[in-house]
Amino acid sequence: YFAGSVGGAPLSMVKQYIEQQSRPD
């Protein structure tokens, strides 16, 4: 997972990034 590198990114940005990856978590 990449939560450690996100830092203080807003949840919306994090969610958008995950959706772009389109990879099973």
C-alpha atoms as a PDB file:
ATOM      1  CA  TYR A   1       0.000   0.000   0.000  1.00  0.00           C
ATOM      2  CA  PHE A   2       1.085   3.632  -0.452  1.00  0.00           C
ATOM      3  CA  ALA A   3      -0.529   5.294   2.581  1.00  0.00           C
ATOM      4  CA  GLY A   4       2.920   5.951   4.033  1.00  0.00           C
ATOM      5  CA  SER A   5       3.966   8.051   1.037  1.00  0.00           C
ATOM      6  CA  VAL A   6       0.720   9.999   0.862  1.00  0.00           C
ATOM      7  CA  GLY A   7       1.521  12.023   3.970  1.00  0.00           C
ATOM      8  CA  GLY A   8      -1.440  14.371   4.518  1.00  0.00           C
ATOM      9  CA  ALA A   9      -3.197  14.056   1.179  1.00  0.00           C
ATOM     10  CA  PRO A  10      -6.980  14.541   1.282  1.00  0.00           C
ATOM     11  CA  LEU A  11      -9.080  11.378   1.233  1.00  0.00           C
ATOM     12  CA  SER A  12     -10.545  12.333  -2.142  1.00  0.00           C
ATOM     13  CA  MET A  13      -7.090  12.434  -3.699  1.00  0.00           C
ATOM     14  CA  VAL A  14      -6.179   9.102  -2.155  1.00  0.00           C
ATOM     15  CA  LYS A  15      -9.380   7.507  -3.395  1.00  0.00           C
ATOM     16  CA  GLN A  16      -8.875   8.930  -6.869  1.00  0.00           C
ATOM     17  CA  TYR A  17      -5.350   7.510  -6.982  1.00  0.00           C
ATOM     18  CA  ILE A  18      -6.600   4.082  -5.990  1.00  0.00           C
ATOM     19  CA  GLU A  19      -9.290   4.183  -8.661  1.00  0.00           C
ATOM     20  CA  GLN A  20      -6.727   5.126 -11.291  1.00  0.00           C
ATOM     21  CA  GLN A  21      -4.613   2.115 -10.353  1.00  0.00           C
ATOM     22  CA  SER A  22      -7.613  -0.196 -10.863  1.00  0.00           C
ATOM     23  CA  ARG A  23      -5.783  -2.895  -8.926  1.00  0.00           C
ATOM     24  CA  PRO A  24      -7.284  -5.339  -6.364  1.00  0.00           C
ATOM     25  CA  ASP A  25      -6.359  -4.217  -2.868  1.00  0.00           C
END
